[in-house]
Amino acid sequence: MTPENYRIASLPGDGIGPEVIEETWRVLQKVEQMRPVIRLERQEYSIGAAEFLRSGDPFPEAVFQEVARCDAILLGAMGLPDVRGPGGTEIAPQLDLRERLDLFAGVRPVRLFHPAHTPLRGKEAGAIDLVLVRESTEGLFSTRKRRWPDDAEAVTDEMRVTRAASERLFRFAFSLAMRRRRHVTLVDKSNVLPSMAFFRRIFDEIAEEFPGVRTSRLYVDAAALALVRRPEGFDVIVTENMFGDILSDLAAALVGGMGMAPSADIGERHAVFQPAHGSAPDIAGRGIANPVASILSAAMMLEWLGSEACLDAAESIRRAVAAVLSDPERATPDLGGRLTSSQLTEAIVAAMEDGQ
């Protein structure tokens, strides 16, 4: 068989980022071993808060150019709470990547692997199975780089919603739903904000292109309530940047927390795959960070690469994770277990071998 060679930009980042990325590469090495047709060339680069402290530039332009030439990007976690840029906000090169590479679709899968992982009563494994799709290039993040004087009497952020960005986002969400349970829920605040009324109008237009997909519409506050009361009622959720940022964390809490939350930021030509959690400096270096979100993000990366071998490898990772987490004792401390990051990864690798 013809080898499939992929250059993967590996961006470990800050805090627990390097730890979960290292565990993820152990899983990807097992993929290469089990499927020799797949060859993943790891290209590692230093960006983030630590790089900012070292060189004064969290994301050197030369590094960006190298990263942009890779076939996919695997990212750990970026930023540290006490490291701030000139505007007073945290160092966030991951946002720069989304904007510069036009990664418009923030994809956040949420799946319950064991009833012990959720604070909700009476939910069986698989009962919560949804994907939140977040517009990642505009919305309330659109003016995040605007600078204000220290003595300003007022500071304004703007909610930017364009037709072009909204149309491609909605088509992405509907196409995803076609491969799932054919139901898309729009989350907005169109009863108050004109930008969200515009957002909803475009959604309604695009929905007509997908007559085989059911649609629902919820205001963001009602959506937060519904996610807690009846998360099994959701399939694909599509929403604005900030709303998606908030709701994806809420949804992650329903299935075990941020250590269980993989994500992807996908554009027309590029994609970044990363755990949705932050750098968690309070547990960095202790070897207890949950690597599942990062490992599942790598499965999303293989799926996006798209070859038959990569799709098969992605599914083998997901099956292995599900098999391991079917036993609530096999978990890191965030899920009430006692395993280290390395021990949990070892269990997942062993399950990959057993499941082939």
Protein backbone atom coordinates (compact mmCIF):
# COMPACT_ATOMS: atom_id res chain seq x y z
CA MET A 1 0.00 0.00 0.00
CA THR A 2 1.15 3.54 -0.69
CA PRO A 3 2.33 5.21 2.52
CA GLU A 4 0.29 8.14 3.79
CA ASN A 5 2.70 10.78 5.04
CA TYR A 6 1.37 13.61 7.17
CA ARG A 7 3.29 16.48 8.73
CA ILE A 8 1.73 17.32 12.09
CA ALA A 9 2.54 20.59 13.85
CA SER A 10 2.78 19.73 17.54
CA LEU A 11 2.26 22.77 19.81
CA PRO A 12 2.49 21.57 23.44
CA GLY A 13 2.06 25.05 24.93
CA ASP A 14 1.81 25.79 28.63
CA GLY A 15 0.95 24.17 31.95
CA ILE A 16 -0.38 20.66 31.42
CA GLY A 17 -0.27 21.12 27.65
CA PRO A 18 3.10 19.37 27.17
CA GLU A 19 1.97 16.50 29.41
CA VAL A 20 -1.27 15.70 27.58
CA ILE A 21 0.37 16.15 24.18
CA GLU A 22 3.11 13.68 25.10
CA GLU A 23 0.48 11.11 26.10
CA THR A 24 -1.39 11.77 22.88
CA TRP A 25 1.70 11.08 20.81
CA ARG A 26 2.01 7.71 22.55
CA VAL A 27 -1.42 6.87 21.18
CA LEU A 28 -0.52 8.17 17.72
CA GLN A 29 2.66 6.08 17.76
CA LYS A 30 0.45 3.05 18.42
CA VAL A 31 -1.66 4.08 15.42
CA GLU A 32 1.47 4.06 13.25
CA GLN A 33 2.50 0.68 14.65
CA MET A 34 -0.90 -0.90 14.04
CA ARG A 35 -1.38 0.74 10.63
CA PRO A 36 2.06 1.12 9.01
CA VAL A 37 0.52 2.88 6.00
CA ILE A 38 0.04 5.93 8.25
CA ARG A 39 3.18 7.95 8.90
CA LEU A 40 2.90 10.98 11.17
CA GLU A 41 5.90 13.32 11.12
CA ARG A 42 5.94 15.28 14.36
CA GLN A 43 7.05 18.89 13.95
CA GLU A 44 7.27 20.50 17.40
CA TYR A 45 7.17 24.27 17.95
CA SER A 46 7.25 26.49 21.02
CA ILE A 47 4.43 29.03 21.26
CA GLY A 48 2.37 30.36 24.15
CA ALA A 49 2.91 32.10 27.48
CA ALA A 50 6.22 30.37 28.19
CA GLU A 51 7.54 31.44 24.78
CA PHE A 52 6.35 34.99 25.49
CA LEU A 53 8.33 35.01 28.74
CA ARG A 54 11.38 33.58 26.96
CA SER A 55 11.48 35.69 23.80
CA GLY A 56 8.84 38.41 24.17
CA ASP A 57 6.79 36.97 21.28
CA PRO A 58 4.23 34.25 22.04
CA PHE A 59 3.90 33.27 18.39
CA PRO A 60 6.86 34.23 16.16
CA GLU A 61 5.93 34.84 12.54
CA ALA A 62 8.48 32.31 11.29
CA VAL A 63 6.84 29.65 13.46
CA PHE A 64 3.39 30.56 12.16
CA GLN A 65 4.58 30.12 8.58
CA GLU A 66 5.99 26.67 9.41
CA VAL A 67 2.83 25.62 11.22
CA ALA A 68 0.62 26.78 8.34
CA ARG A 69 2.51 24.46 5.97
CA CYS A 70 1.73 21.35 8.01
CA ASP A 71 -1.12 18.97 7.20
CA ALA A 72 -2.75 19.36 10.61
CA ILE A 73 -2.07 21.06 13.93
CA LEU A 74 -2.20 19.36 17.33
CA LEU A 75 -2.24 21.81 20.22
CA GLY A 76 -1.95 21.28 23.99
CA ALA A 77 -3.04 24.29 26.04
CA MET A 78 -2.05 27.93 25.78
CA GLY A 79 -1.76 30.72 28.32
CA LEU A 80 -1.09 31.15 32.02
CA PRO A 81 -3.32 33.23 34.32
CA ASP A 82 -0.51 35.48 35.54
CA VAL A 83 1.06 36.08 32.11
CA ARG A 84 -0.71 38.97 30.37
CA GLY A 85 -0.20 40.86 27.17
CA PRO A 86 -0.17 44.65 26.71
CA GLY A 87 -3.98 44.89 26.80
CA GLY A 88 -4.26 43.02 30.09
CA THR A 89 -5.65 39.81 28.59
CA GLU A 90 -4.01 36.38 28.67
CA ILE A 91 -1.61 35.23 25.98
CA ALA A 92 -3.78 33.30 23.47
CA PRO A 93 -1.98 32.20 20.29
CA GLN A 94 -4.71 29.61 19.72
CA LEU A 95 -7.10 32.48 18.94
CA ASP A 96 -4.54 33.94 16.53
CA LEU A 97 -4.42 30.58 14.75
CA ARG A 98 -8.20 30.49 14.39
CA GLU A 99 -8.34 33.98 12.96
CA ARG A 100 -5.29 33.89 10.72
CA LEU A 101 -6.08 30.46 9.26
CA ASP A 102 -9.81 31.29 9.05
CA LEU A 103 -10.86 28.31 11.16
CA PHE A 104 -14.51 29.24 11.28
CA ALA A 105 -16.05 26.06 12.74
CA GLY A 106 -15.27 25.32 16.37
CA VAL A 107 -16.37 21.70 16.81
CA ARG A 108 -16.92 20.48 20.38
CA PRO A 109 -18.16 16.86 20.72
CA VAL A 110 -19.72 15.93 24.06
CA ARG A 111 -20.32 12.26 24.94
CA LEU A 112 -21.04 10.49 28.23
CA PHE A 113 -18.90 7.38 28.62
CA HIS A 114 -20.08 6.27 32.09
CA PRO A 115 -22.96 7.26 34.42
CA ALA A 116 -20.42 7.92 37.21
CA HIS A 117 -18.95 10.80 35.19
CA THR A 118 -22.07 12.99 35.14
CA PRO A 119 -23.67 15.02 37.96
CA LEU A 120 -27.06 14.26 36.39
CA ARG A 121 -29.12 11.36 37.70
CA GLY A 122 -30.33 8.49 35.56
CA LYS A 123 -28.11 9.03 32.52
CA GLU A 124 -26.67 5.91 30.94
CA ALA A 125 -23.51 5.79 28.84
CA GLY A 126 -24.21 7.35 25.45
CA ALA A 127 -27.35 9.16 26.65
CA ILE A 128 -25.53 12.46 26.20
CA ASP A 129 -24.12 12.59 22.68
CA LEU A 130 -24.05 15.99 21.02
CA VAL A 131 -21.76 18.27 19.07
CA LEU A 132 -21.60 22.02 19.62
CA VAL A 133 -20.45 24.00 16.58
CA ARG A 134 -19.21 27.47 17.44
CA GLU A 135 -18.41 30.26 14.98
CA SER A 136 -14.75 30.95 15.77
CA THR A 137 -13.68 33.98 13.74
CA GLU A 138 -16.01 36.82 14.73
CA GLY A 139 -18.95 37.30 17.15
CA LEU A 140 -18.14 38.92 20.48
CA PHE A 141 -14.44 38.07 20.05
CA SER A 142 -14.14 40.26 16.96
CA THR A 143 -12.62 43.30 18.69
CA ARG A 144 -10.55 41.41 21.26
CA LYS A 145 -7.32 43.07 20.09
CA ARG A 146 -8.63 46.61 20.35
CA ARG A 147 -6.63 48.58 22.92
CA TRP A 148 -8.06 51.09 25.37
CA PRO A 149 -6.22 53.66 27.50
CA ASP A 150 -5.79 52.79 31.17
CA ASP A 151 -7.83 55.85 32.14
CA ALA A 152 -10.79 55.04 29.83
CA GLU A 153 -14.20 55.74 31.33
CA ALA A 154 -15.85 53.03 29.24
CA VAL A 155 -14.69 50.03 27.19
CA THR A 156 -16.78 48.51 24.40
CA ASP A 157 -16.64 45.09 22.77
CA GLU A 158 -18.60 44.52 19.56
CA MET A 159 -20.66 41.56 18.38
CA ARG A 160 -19.79 41.13 14.69
CA VAL A 161 -21.98 38.83 12.60
CA THR A 162 -21.50 38.65 8.83
CA ARG A 163 -23.58 36.86 6.25
CA ALA A 164 -20.58 35.06 4.72
CA ALA A 165 -19.33 33.67 8.03
CA SER A 166 -22.81 32.69 9.16
CA GLU A 167 -23.73 30.92 5.92
CA ARG A 168 -20.61 28.73 5.91
CA LEU A 169 -21.04 27.97 9.63
CA PHE A 170 -24.64 26.85 9.19
CA ARG A 171 -23.84 24.74 6.13
CA PHE A 172 -21.09 23.05 8.14
CA ALA A 173 -23.49 22.34 11.03
CA PHE A 174 -26.21 20.98 8.76
CA SER A 175 -23.74 18.78 6.88
CA LEU A 176 -22.51 17.40 10.20
CA ALA A 177 -26.08 16.69 11.30
CA MET A 178 -26.68 14.78 8.07
CA ARG A 179 -24.03 12.30 9.27
CA ARG A 180 -25.55 12.09 12.73
CA ARG A 181 -29.21 12.22 13.89
CA ARG A 182 -30.37 15.00 11.52
CA HIS A 183 -31.28 17.63 14.08
CA VAL A 184 -29.74 21.12 14.38
CA THR A 185 -30.50 23.53 17.23
CA LEU A 186 -29.70 27.20 16.73
CA VAL A 187 -28.72 29.05 19.92
CA ASP A 188 -28.89 32.85 19.83
CA LYS A 189 -30.30 35.90 21.63
CA SER A 190 -32.43 37.16 18.79
CA ASN A 191 -35.14 38.47 21.10
CA VAL A 192 -32.76 41.23 22.28
CA LEU A 193 -29.79 41.67 19.94
CA PRO A 194 -30.20 42.80 16.30
CA SER A 195 -27.01 40.92 15.35
CA MET A 196 -28.62 37.73 16.62
CA ALA A 197 -31.87 38.40 14.78
CA PHE A 198 -29.73 38.67 11.63
CA PHE A 199 -27.96 35.43 12.61
CA ARG A 200 -31.30 33.64 12.97
CA ARG A 201 -32.61 34.94 9.65
CA ILE A 202 -29.57 33.50 7.86
CA PHE A 203 -30.02 30.20 9.72
CA ASP A 204 -33.61 29.98 8.49
CA GLU A 205 -32.46 30.59 4.92
CA ILE A 206 -29.78 27.89 5.04
CA ALA A 207 -32.15 25.44 6.73
CA GLU A 208 -34.21 25.41 3.52
CA GLU A 209 -31.23 23.83 1.74
CA PHE A 210 -31.42 20.82 4.10
CA PRO A 211 -35.07 19.68 4.16
CA GLY A 212 -34.06 16.34 5.68
CA VAL A 213 -32.77 17.94 8.88
CA ARG A 214 -35.06 18.96 11.75
CA THR A 215 -34.42 22.36 13.31
CA SER A 216 -34.96 23.95 16.70
CA ARG A 217 -34.26 27.46 17.95
CA LEU A 218 -33.42 28.44 21.53
CA TYR A 219 -32.29 31.62 23.24
CA VAL A 220 -28.95 31.09 24.92
CA ASP A 221 -30.32 31.30 28.47
CA ALA A 222 -33.01 28.72 27.68
CA ALA A 223 -30.37 26.54 26.00
CA ALA A 224 -28.27 26.52 29.17
CA LEU A 225 -31.32 25.35 31.12
CA ALA A 226 -32.20 22.70 28.54
CA LEU A 227 -28.65 21.32 28.47
CA VAL A 228 -28.93 20.54 32.17
CA ARG A 229 -32.53 19.32 32.12
CA ARG A 230 -32.57 17.29 28.88
CA PRO A 231 -29.16 17.07 27.20
CA GLU A 232 -30.25 13.94 25.35
CA GLY A 233 -32.56 16.17 23.29
CA PHE A 234 -29.63 17.75 21.44
CA ASP A 235 -27.77 16.47 18.40
CA VAL A 236 -25.91 19.39 16.74
CA ILE A 237 -25.95 22.83 18.38
CA VAL A 238 -24.77 25.82 16.34
CA THR A 239 -24.10 29.22 17.86
CA GLU A 240 -22.03 32.40 18.07
CA ASN A 241 -18.44 32.52 19.33
CA MET A 242 -18.93 33.64 22.95
CA PHE A 243 -22.14 31.67 23.47
CA GLY A 244 -20.34 28.58 22.19
CA ASP A 245 -17.38 29.22 24.47
CA ILE A 246 -19.65 29.24 27.51
CA LEU A 247 -22.05 26.46 26.57
CA SER A 248 -19.29 24.05 25.57
CA ASP A 249 -17.85 24.24 29.08
CA LEU A 250 -21.29 23.68 30.57
CA ALA A 251 -21.80 20.66 28.31
CA ALA A 252 -18.37 19.28 29.24
CA ALA A 253 -19.35 19.42 32.91
CA LEU A 254 -22.25 17.08 32.13
CA VAL A 255 -19.88 14.30 30.98
CA GLY A 256 -17.02 14.57 33.45
CA GLY A 257 -15.40 17.96 32.99
CA MET A 258 -12.90 19.64 30.74
CA GLY A 259 -10.58 16.63 30.72
CA MET A 260 -13.26 14.87 28.67
CA ALA A 261 -13.76 17.69 26.15
CA PRO A 262 -12.00 17.34 22.78
CA SER A 263 -12.27 20.03 20.14
CA ALA A 264 -11.34 21.07 16.63
CA ASP A 265 -11.22 24.39 14.84
CA ILE A 266 -11.78 23.69 11.17
CA GLY A 267 -11.48 25.86 8.09
CA GLU A 268 -11.50 25.29 4.36
CA ARG A 269 -7.81 24.28 4.21
CA HIS A 270 -6.46 24.07 7.76
CA ALA A 271 -7.53 22.62 11.10
CA VAL A 272 -6.34 22.73 14.71
CA PHE A 273 -7.13 19.94 17.17
CA GLN A 274 -6.86 20.49 20.91
CA PRO A 275 -8.38 19.61 24.25
CA ALA A 276 -10.88 22.30 25.21
CA HIS A 277 -9.38 22.66 28.68
CA GLY A 278 -6.93 25.31 29.76
CA SER A 279 -3.34 25.02 30.92
CA ALA A 280 -4.29 24.15 34.55
CA PRO A 281 -1.01 25.33 36.11
CA ASP A 282 -2.18 24.16 39.55
CA ILE A 283 -1.71 20.52 38.52
CA ALA A 284 1.08 20.93 35.96
CA GLY A 285 4.03 18.63 36.56
CA ARG A 286 2.14 16.26 38.85
CA GLY A 287 1.37 13.66 36.19
CA ILE A 288 -2.35 13.55 36.94
CA ALA A 289 -3.84 15.57 34.06
CA ASN A 290 -6.57 13.75 32.19
CA PRO A 291 -5.27 13.05 28.64
CA VAL A 292 -8.62 11.86 27.24
CA ALA A 293 -9.65 15.21 25.75
CA SER A 294 -6.33 15.49 23.93
CA ILE A 295 -6.41 11.86 22.77
CA LEU A 296 -9.95 12.25 21.43
CA SER A 297 -8.87 15.46 19.70
CA ALA A 298 -6.19 13.41 17.93
CA ALA A 299 -8.93 11.01 16.81
CA MET A 300 -10.77 14.02 15.35
CA MET A 301 -7.55 14.96 13.56
CA LEU A 302 -7.27 11.54 11.97
CA GLU A 303 -10.90 11.70 10.93
CA TRP A 304 -10.32 15.11 9.33
CA LEU A 305 -7.27 13.80 7.43
CA GLY A 306 -9.86 11.56 5.89
CA SER A 307 -8.20 8.51 4.36
CA GLU A 308 -9.72 5.09 4.95
CA ALA A 309 -6.80 4.13 7.19
CA CYS A 310 -7.08 7.37 9.19
CA LEU A 311 -10.84 6.96 9.62
CA ASP A 312 -10.31 3.42 10.84
CA ALA A 313 -7.60 4.57 13.25
CA ALA A 314 -9.82 7.33 14.61
CA GLU A 315 -12.57 4.84 15.33
CA SER A 316 -10.11 2.46 17.03
CA ILE A 317 -9.05 5.27 19.40
CA ARG A 318 -12.67 6.10 20.25
CA ARG A 319 -13.50 2.44 20.87
CA ALA A 320 -10.47 2.08 23.13
CA VAL A 321 -11.35 5.19 25.14
CA ALA A 322 -14.93 3.95 25.56
CA ALA A 323 -13.72 0.51 26.64
CA VAL A 324 -11.35 1.92 29.26
CA LEU A 325 -13.83 4.44 30.64
CA SER A 326 -16.54 1.80 30.93
CA ASP A 327 -14.80 0.97 34.22
CA PRO A 328 -15.05 4.06 36.48
CA GLU A 329 -12.02 2.87 38.46
CA ARG A 330 -9.84 3.42 35.40
CA ALA A 331 -9.72 7.19 35.62
CA THR A 332 -7.56 10.13 36.62
CA PRO A 333 -8.35 12.10 39.81
CA ASP A 334 -10.64 14.58 38.04
CA LEU A 335 -13.04 11.68 37.45
CA GLY A 336 -12.61 10.27 40.94
CA GLY A 337 -9.94 7.73 39.97
CA ARG A 338 -6.35 7.17 41.02
CA LEU A 339 -4.57 6.62 37.73
CA THR A 340 -1.80 8.88 36.52
CA SER A 341 -1.90 10.39 33.05
CA SER A 342 0.57 7.77 31.88
CA GLN A 343 -1.35 4.86 33.37
CA LEU A 344 -4.59 5.93 31.72
CA THR A 345 -2.83 6.27 28.38
CA GLU A 346 -1.30 2.82 28.81
CA ALA A 347 -4.77 1.41 29.36
CA ILE A 348 -6.05 3.09 26.19
CA VAL A 349 -3.09 1.80 24.14
CA ALA A 350 -3.70 -1.72 25.48
CA ALA A 351 -7.38 -1.45 24.55
CA MET A 352 -6.38 -0.39 21.03
CA GLU A 353 -4.32 -3.58 20.73
CA ASP A 354 -7.19 -5.71 22.05
CA GLY A 355 -9.72 -4.08 19.73
CA GLN A 356 -7.41 -3.88 16.70
